[in-house]
Amino acid sequence: MALTKDFKETIQARLQRDPAFREALLMEGVDCLLSGDVETGKAALRDYINATIGFDALGSLTDKSPKSLMRMFGPVGNPQARNLFEIIGHLQKREGVHLEVKAVR
């Protein structure tokens, strides 16, 4: 019987090789935050950060400690809006996308 990869490893590998998948996860994380599902949004962004830029490099960009950033996006983390939007801005720039909010009825 063949061993299977851990789910997170599989997602991380796909994020590293598939730009459309990375963009979709980034968009999903932000969309969840905007719709009030903060826990899912933080989890999606945490997975995105882990598989792409990493918390060390993000800490250098934002002048925040990597451990502090990890706590912000952890299950009990409560990032301030200023920090959250700064981080999302850096992630957009790194991914080469600009996310826009559109009203839908």
N, C-alpha and C. Protein backbone atom coordinates (compact mmCIF):
# COMPACT_ATOMS: atom_id res chain seq x y z
N MET A 1 0.85 -1.18 0.00
CA MET A 1 0.00 0.00 0.00
C MET A 1 0.90 1.24 0.00
N ALA A 2 0.62 2.17 -0.90
CA ALA A 2 1.42 3.39 -1.03
C ALA A 2 1.06 4.38 0.07
N LEU A 3 2.07 5.07 0.55
CA LEU A 3 1.84 6.11 1.54
C LEU A 3 1.36 7.37 0.83
N THR A 4 0.47 8.10 1.47
CA THR A 4 -0.01 9.35 0.89
C THR A 4 0.63 10.52 1.61
N LYS A 5 0.76 11.60 0.91
CA LYS A 5 1.32 12.82 1.52
C LYS A 5 0.31 13.43 2.47
N ASP A 6 0.82 14.10 3.44
CA ASP A 6 -0.03 14.85 4.34
C ASP A 6 -0.77 15.92 3.53
N PHE A 7 -2.00 16.19 3.90
CA PHE A 7 -2.83 17.14 3.17
C PHE A 7 -2.14 18.50 3.03
N LYS A 8 -1.56 19.00 4.13
CA LYS A 8 -0.90 20.31 4.06
C LYS A 8 0.29 20.29 3.11
N GLU A 9 1.02 19.20 3.08
CA GLU A 9 2.15 19.09 2.15
C GLU A 9 1.66 19.11 0.71
N THR A 10 0.55 18.45 0.45
CA THR A 10 -0.01 18.43 -0.89
C THR A 10 -0.45 19.83 -1.32
N ILE A 11 -1.13 20.54 -0.42
CA ILE A 11 -1.58 21.90 -0.71
C ILE A 11 -0.37 22.81 -0.92
N GLN A 12 0.63 22.67 -0.06
CA GLN A 12 1.83 23.51 -0.16
C GLN A 12 2.54 23.28 -1.50
N ALA A 13 2.64 22.04 -1.91
CA ALA A 13 3.30 21.73 -3.20
C ALA A 13 2.52 22.34 -4.36
N ARG A 14 1.20 22.26 -4.30
CA ARG A 14 0.40 22.84 -5.38
C ARG A 14 0.51 24.36 -5.41
N LEU A 15 0.51 24.97 -4.24
CA LEU A 15 0.65 26.43 -4.18
C LEU A 15 1.98 26.89 -4.77
N GLN A 16 3.02 26.11 -4.55
CA GLN A 16 4.33 26.49 -5.07
C GLN A 16 4.43 26.37 -6.58
N ARG A 17 3.66 25.47 -7.18
CA ARG A 17 3.78 25.27 -8.63
C ARG A 17 2.64 25.87 -9.45
N ASP A 18 1.56 26.31 -8.81
CA ASP A 18 0.37 26.73 -9.56
C ASP A 18 -0.03 28.16 -9.19
N PRO A 19 0.36 29.14 -10.01
CA PRO A 19 0.04 30.55 -9.70
C PRO A 19 -1.46 30.82 -9.58
N ALA A 20 -2.28 30.16 -10.38
CA ALA A 20 -3.73 30.38 -10.31
C ALA A 20 -4.28 29.89 -8.97
N PHE A 21 -3.75 28.79 -8.48
CA PHE A 21 -4.17 28.25 -7.19
C PHE A 21 -3.75 29.18 -6.05
N ARG A 22 -2.53 29.73 -6.13
CA ARG A 22 -2.07 30.70 -5.13
C ARG A 22 -2.98 31.91 -5.10
N GLU A 23 -3.29 32.44 -6.28
CA GLU A 23 -4.15 33.61 -6.35
C GLU A 23 -5.53 33.31 -5.78
N ALA A 24 -6.06 32.13 -6.09
CA ALA A 24 -7.38 31.75 -5.59
C ALA A 24 -7.39 31.63 -4.07
N LEU A 25 -6.32 31.08 -3.49
CA LEU A 25 -6.27 30.96 -2.03
C LEU A 25 -6.16 32.34 -1.37
N LEU A 26 -5.36 33.21 -1.95
CA LEU A 26 -5.26 34.57 -1.44
C LEU A 26 -6.62 35.27 -1.50
N MET A 27 -7.29 35.14 -2.62
CA MET A 27 -8.62 35.76 -2.77
C MET A 27 -9.62 35.15 -1.79
N GLU A 28 -9.57 33.84 -1.60
CA GLU A 28 -10.49 33.18 -0.68
C GLU A 28 -10.26 33.66 0.75
N GLY A 29 -9.00 33.81 1.14
CA GLY A 29 -8.70 34.29 2.49
C GLY A 29 -9.25 35.68 2.73
N VAL A 30 -9.04 36.56 1.79
CA VAL A 30 -9.54 37.94 1.92
C VAL A 30 -11.06 37.96 1.88
N ASP A 31 -11.65 37.18 0.99
CA ASP A 31 -13.12 37.12 0.88
C ASP A 31 -13.74 36.62 2.20
N CYS A 32 -13.14 35.61 2.80
CA CYS A 32 -13.65 35.11 4.08
C CYS A 32 -13.57 36.19 5.15
N LEU A 33 -12.46 36.91 5.20
CA LEU A 33 -12.34 38.00 6.18
C LEU A 33 -13.43 39.04 5.97
N LEU A 34 -13.64 39.43 4.71
CA LEU A 34 -14.64 40.47 4.42
C LEU A 34 -16.07 40.01 4.71
N SER A 35 -16.31 38.71 4.62
CA SER A 35 -17.66 38.21 4.88
C SER A 35 -17.87 37.86 6.35
N GLY A 36 -16.84 38.07 7.18
CA GLY A 36 -17.00 37.85 8.61
C GLY A 36 -16.51 36.50 9.11
N ASP A 37 -16.04 35.63 8.22
CA ASP A 37 -15.51 34.33 8.63
C ASP A 37 -14.01 34.49 8.89
N VAL A 38 -13.70 35.12 10.00
CA VAL A 38 -12.32 35.49 10.31
C VAL A 38 -11.43 34.27 10.50
N GLU A 39 -11.92 33.23 11.16
CA GLU A 39 -11.09 32.05 11.41
C GLU A 39 -10.66 31.38 10.11
N THR A 40 -11.60 31.21 9.17
CA THR A 40 -11.26 30.59 7.89
C THR A 40 -10.35 31.49 7.09
N GLY A 41 -10.61 32.79 7.12
CA GLY A 41 -9.76 33.74 6.40
C GLY A 41 -8.33 33.73 6.90
N LYS A 42 -8.16 33.73 8.23
CA LYS A 42 -6.82 33.68 8.80
C LYS A 42 -6.13 32.37 8.44
N ALA A 43 -6.86 31.26 8.48
CA ALA A 43 -6.28 29.95 8.16
C ALA A 43 -5.82 29.91 6.70
N ALA A 44 -6.64 30.44 5.80
CA ALA A 44 -6.29 30.45 4.37
C ALA A 44 -5.05 31.32 4.15
N LEU A 45 -5.01 32.48 4.78
CA LEU A 45 -3.85 33.35 4.62
C LEU A 45 -2.60 32.74 5.25
N ARG A 46 -2.77 32.06 6.38
CA ARG A 46 -1.63 31.39 7.02
C ARG A 46 -1.06 30.31 6.09
N ASP A 47 -1.94 29.52 5.47
CA ASP A 47 -1.48 28.49 4.52
C ASP A 47 -0.78 29.14 3.33
N TYR A 48 -1.36 30.23 2.84
CA TYR A 48 -0.76 30.95 1.70
C TYR A 48 0.64 31.45 2.07
N ILE A 49 0.75 32.08 3.23
CA ILE A 49 2.05 32.63 3.68
C ILE A 49 3.07 31.51 3.84
N ASN A 50 2.68 30.43 4.50
CA ASN A 50 3.60 29.31 4.72
C ASN A 50 4.12 28.73 3.41
N ALA A 51 3.27 28.65 2.40
CA ALA A 51 3.65 28.02 1.14
C ALA A 51 4.34 28.97 0.17
N THR A 52 4.30 30.26 0.44
CA THR A 52 4.88 31.20 -0.52
C THR A 52 6.02 31.98 0.11
N ILE A 53 5.74 33.10 0.67
CA ILE A 53 6.77 34.01 1.18
C ILE A 53 7.40 33.53 2.48
N GLY A 54 6.63 32.89 3.33
CA GLY A 54 7.11 32.46 4.64
C GLY A 54 7.04 33.60 5.65
N PHE A 55 6.93 33.23 6.92
CA PHE A 55 6.77 34.24 7.96
C PHE A 55 8.05 35.03 8.23
N ASP A 56 9.21 34.42 7.98
CA ASP A 56 10.47 35.15 8.19
C ASP A 56 10.59 36.32 7.21
N ALA A 57 10.38 36.04 5.93
CA ALA A 57 10.48 37.10 4.92
C ALA A 57 9.38 38.14 5.10
N LEU A 58 8.18 37.70 5.44
CA LEU A 58 7.08 38.64 5.67
C LEU A 58 7.40 39.53 6.87
N GLY A 59 8.02 38.96 7.89
CA GLY A 59 8.43 39.76 9.05
C GLY A 59 9.42 40.84 8.67
N SER A 60 10.33 40.52 7.76
CA SER A 60 11.30 41.52 7.30
C SER A 60 10.61 42.65 6.54
N LEU A 61 9.63 42.30 5.73
CA LEU A 61 8.90 43.32 4.95
C LEU A 61 8.06 44.24 5.82
N THR A 62 7.51 43.68 6.90
CA THR A 62 6.56 44.43 7.72
C THR A 62 7.18 44.97 9.01
N ASP A 63 8.45 44.68 9.24
CA ASP A 63 9.12 45.06 10.50
C ASP A 63 8.40 44.49 11.73
N LYS A 64 7.91 43.27 11.59
CA LYS A 64 7.26 42.57 12.69
C LYS A 64 7.95 41.22 12.86
N SER A 65 7.99 40.73 14.07
CA SER A 65 8.66 39.45 14.29
C SER A 65 7.84 38.33 13.65
N PRO A 66 8.52 37.34 13.08
CA PRO A 66 7.80 36.20 12.49
C PRO A 66 6.88 35.51 13.50
N LYS A 67 7.32 35.40 14.75
CA LYS A 67 6.48 34.76 15.77
C LYS A 67 5.21 35.56 16.01
N SER A 68 5.32 36.88 16.00
CA SER A 68 4.15 37.73 16.18
C SER A 68 3.18 37.53 15.01
N LEU A 69 3.72 37.46 13.80
CA LEU A 69 2.87 37.23 12.63
C LEU A 69 2.19 35.87 12.70
N MET A 70 2.93 34.85 13.13
CA MET A 70 2.34 33.51 13.26
C MET A 70 1.21 33.52 14.27
N ARG A 71 1.39 34.25 15.37
CA ARG A 71 0.32 34.34 16.37
C ARG A 71 -0.90 35.05 15.80
N MET A 72 -0.67 36.13 15.02
CA MET A 72 -1.78 36.88 14.42
C MET A 72 -2.68 35.97 13.60
N PHE A 73 -2.05 35.06 12.84
CA PHE A 73 -2.82 34.21 11.94
C PHE A 73 -3.14 32.85 12.55
N GLY A 74 -2.82 32.67 13.82
CA GLY A 74 -3.15 31.43 14.51
C GLY A 74 -4.61 31.41 14.93
N PRO A 75 -5.07 30.28 15.46
CA PRO A 75 -6.49 30.12 15.82
C PRO A 75 -7.02 31.14 16.82
N VAL A 76 -6.17 31.61 17.75
CA VAL A 76 -6.65 32.58 18.73
C VAL A 76 -6.11 33.98 18.45
N GLY A 77 -5.41 34.15 17.33
CA GLY A 77 -4.86 35.45 16.97
C GLY A 77 -5.95 36.46 16.64
N ASN A 78 -5.66 37.71 16.92
CA ASN A 78 -6.62 38.78 16.66
C ASN A 78 -5.86 39.98 16.10
N PRO A 79 -5.46 39.91 14.81
CA PRO A 79 -4.66 40.98 14.24
C PRO A 79 -5.44 42.30 14.15
N GLN A 80 -4.73 43.38 14.40
CA GLN A 80 -5.34 44.70 14.21
C GLN A 80 -5.56 44.92 12.72
N ALA A 81 -6.56 45.68 12.38
CA ALA A 81 -6.88 45.95 10.97
C ALA A 81 -5.68 46.55 10.25
N ARG A 82 -4.97 47.46 10.88
CA ARG A 82 -3.80 48.09 10.25
C ARG A 82 -2.78 47.03 9.85
N ASN A 83 -2.48 46.10 10.75
CA ASN A 83 -1.53 45.04 10.45
C ASN A 83 -2.04 44.11 9.36
N LEU A 84 -3.30 43.75 9.46
CA LEU A 84 -3.90 42.83 8.50
C LEU A 84 -3.87 43.41 7.09
N PHE A 85 -4.26 44.67 6.94
CA PHE A 85 -4.29 45.28 5.62
C PHE A 85 -2.89 45.53 5.08
N GLU A 86 -1.94 45.82 5.95
CA GLU A 86 -0.55 45.97 5.50
C GLU A 86 -0.04 44.64 4.95
N ILE A 87 -0.32 43.57 5.65
CA ILE A 87 0.12 42.24 5.22
C ILE A 87 -0.54 41.85 3.92
N ILE A 88 -1.85 42.06 3.81
CA ILE A 88 -2.56 41.74 2.57
C ILE A 88 -1.98 42.55 1.41
N GLY A 89 -1.62 43.80 1.66
CA GLY A 89 -0.99 44.61 0.62
C GLY A 89 0.32 44.01 0.14
N HIS A 90 1.15 43.55 1.08
CA HIS A 90 2.42 42.92 0.71
C HIS A 90 2.18 41.62 -0.07
N LEU A 91 1.18 40.85 0.35
CA LEU A 91 0.90 39.58 -0.33
C LEU A 91 0.41 39.83 -1.75
N GLN A 92 -0.43 40.83 -1.93
CA GLN A 92 -0.90 41.17 -3.27
C GLN A 92 0.27 41.57 -4.17
N LYS A 93 1.13 42.42 -3.63
CA LYS A 93 2.28 42.89 -4.41
C LYS A 93 3.17 41.72 -4.81
N ARG A 94 3.42 40.82 -3.87
CA ARG A 94 4.28 39.67 -4.14
C ARG A 94 3.66 38.76 -5.20
N GLU A 95 2.34 38.60 -5.13
CA GLU A 95 1.65 37.72 -6.08
C GLU A 95 1.43 38.40 -7.42
N GLY A 96 1.54 39.73 -7.45
CA GLY A 96 1.34 40.47 -8.69
C GLY A 96 -0.13 40.65 -9.04
N VAL A 97 -0.96 40.74 -8.01
CA VAL A 97 -2.39 40.95 -8.21
C VAL A 97 -2.84 42.15 -7.40
N HIS A 98 -3.98 42.68 -7.78
CA HIS A 98 -4.63 43.76 -7.03
C HIS A 98 -6.06 43.32 -6.81
N LEU A 99 -6.41 43.01 -5.57
CA LEU A 99 -7.77 42.58 -5.26
C LEU A 99 -8.66 43.79 -5.10
N GLU A 100 -9.88 43.70 -5.62
CA GLU A 100 -10.85 44.77 -5.50
C GLU A 100 -12.12 44.25 -4.87
N VAL A 101 -12.78 45.11 -4.13
CA VAL A 101 -14.06 44.76 -3.52
C VAL A 101 -15.16 45.25 -4.45
N LYS A 102 -16.13 44.39 -4.69
CA LYS A 102 -17.23 44.73 -5.57
C LYS A 102 -18.54 44.42 -4.84
N ALA A 103 -19.47 45.35 -4.87
CA ALA A 103 -20.77 45.13 -4.23
C ALA A 103 -21.63 44.21 -5.10
N VAL A 104 -22.23 43.22 -4.46
CA VAL A 104 -23.08 42.27 -5.16
C VAL A 104 -24.37 42.12 -4.36
N ARG A 105 -25.48 42.13 -5.05
CA ARG A 105 -26.78 41.95 -4.37
C ARG A 105 -27.34 40.60 -4.64
